[in-house]
Structure formats: C-alpha cells, structure tokens
Amino acid sequence: MKIVGQFGVLVMLLVLGASGCQLFTADHESLHGQALLKPAPVSPDSVAMEIIWARFPANDPVLEDAAWRDIDEAHIDPAVRRELANNGLRAGVISGSMPPAISKVLHQGESFESAGDVNAKDAAKSKQAQAAELLAEPIVHGRSCRLRRNQRFEVQASEVYPSLPLLISGGTELGGRTFEQAQAIYALRVDPRPDRTALVELTPELHHGVPRWRYTGEGGAMHQDIRKDREVFDRLRLTAKLCPGETLVLMSLPDAGSRLGHYFHTVDSADGPQQKLILIRLAEIPPSDTFADAP
C-alpha cells in the first residue's frame, strides 16, 4: 500500500463517531498549542476526547526505550501492568509535553476528523469509516469527538486477520487459540469525575467469525444488531485517571511474537513491519458542577 507521508501537525485524532466530520489541515491551530476541537452543538455533559494512530518502523530502539523514560507507567495498576506485559502490551500516561521521540513520529503526516456527540447510529457509521482509514494506512491519522459517560466505543486497532493464531498468557498459564476473521478492538469508556478528571477505561477484545444478528443489553435497553463473536480480555482491562491535556499511550513490546501486542500494534506495510502507536488524550471536560453527583 502507498504510505502517505506529509510534514505537519503534532496532534491528530481518530475515535468512534464520525457524524459531521471535518478534515483538519496542516496549519490547524493545534500547531500553536490551542484547542483541537472546533465549536459545535454538543451535550453539556459530554467529554472531548482525541485519539491518534501513528506508525513507525518496528524495533525502533529510541521509541522502545528513550520515549518511555518520559511516560509514567505508574498510572496503571501494577497487576494489570504485569498482565499487559505478559501479553506483549505496554501502557502509560504523558502528563506534560510529548517526548521528543513520539513527537517526531507524530510529525510524519496528518489526517483529522472532528465530530460532535455520538449516538449508536453514528457509531456504526464511524466503525466503517475507521476500517476504511486503517486500510488506507496513513502514517498518522485520527479523529476528535465528544463522549458521554460510560458509553461504549470501539477503537479499531487492526484490519481483519483471515486467521489469527494467538498465544494467551493468564497469570502463570500460557495457552493458545486460533481465531478466524478476527479484528483487534479496544473497547473504550470514559467516566468524568467531579474533580474535573476522567477515568479512561480500555479493554482489549478480538471480534471474530461471521457477523450475525444478536440481542444485546448495552446502553440499558435491549436491542438487536449484527456483530461478530467477541473474545473479551477482562484481565487486561486498564483504567487511567486523566486530567485535561493528559494522554494515555499504548504500544506493543518488541518481543510480542504471536501475543495480543503484536496483533494490536503491528502493521505489515510496503516498507516492512511497522509498529502502531495509539494515543488517547483527554482534551476537555465539562465544569465540575455538571458531574457533582457522580458516584
């Protein structure tokens, strides 16, 4: 595939929810440190999130070592951190400016979309848009949108693998299973708090098999939709408490092999294997009185 490589923006975004999207350009105001989101009619209790996908050559020693000196992994529960590492995944939080190594990756190219509040219909459209973008494989791309408390959003981390032979580590046990027509997904939920922070929750999942009609109870009401089987890795569910401007970083370990980290964060391109960096930034949160009654 042809890789789009342009010089440009530091922060570029991609999440679920593509209703009313607008492309951002290289001279976007985020280059000057200002807010990424354009004013739009939105719910007063929604949270502005930004997600970035960025690719770089596999086994880059700078990104695998130097960049993590400026990323705080202590934000993730130690037990969860161990489970992530056992499965080839690494996560942490950037509280200040982007580490130089990551900033260099983010300056490779740009492709942005922004969206308002997202409902179920918009999310379905967005899922198709994400798949198209992943297939196009821009070096850096993303979207911004506003999410309501505890809504489920599916962040696509890979294309569909015809066959996915997976090694799974659970505690001291190591097992294996092959999934057919499988796609790596991060299930994202955001829980804004009264202190103007937000708990960002991510759960790795594999969606596999043939899509079929199912009844689900998500969102507090039963409804029918078409979807694949889901393998949910609850032991790897991570939660990070973010302040506005802080960024959750996700990447694979260099020796991920046939573990989850490889399938979530590795791309085969015309230039050889590349790693995929995923950044999730809390861009804006409503005033504290909006969530005064939060549990």
Foldseek 3Di string as FASTA:
>chain_A
DDEDWDFADQFAAAFFFFPPKDKDDRVQCVNVVDFPDDDDDADLFWFKKGKKKAKDAAPPVCVQPVQCVQFAQVLWPPQLQVQQVVQFKGKGKHDDDHDPVSSVRSRTDEIEIEHEEHDPVRRVVRVVVQQVPQVVHYRMHHYMYIYHAFAKTKDWQHHFDQKAWAWHDDPPDIDIDIFGRKTWIWIWGWHAALVQKIKIKTWIKIFGDAWDWDWDCPPNRIDIDTGGDMDTDVSNIIIGIGHAFMKMKMAGNSPSDSGPRCRRFWDQDPVGIIGMIMIMGRHGGRHSVVCVPPD
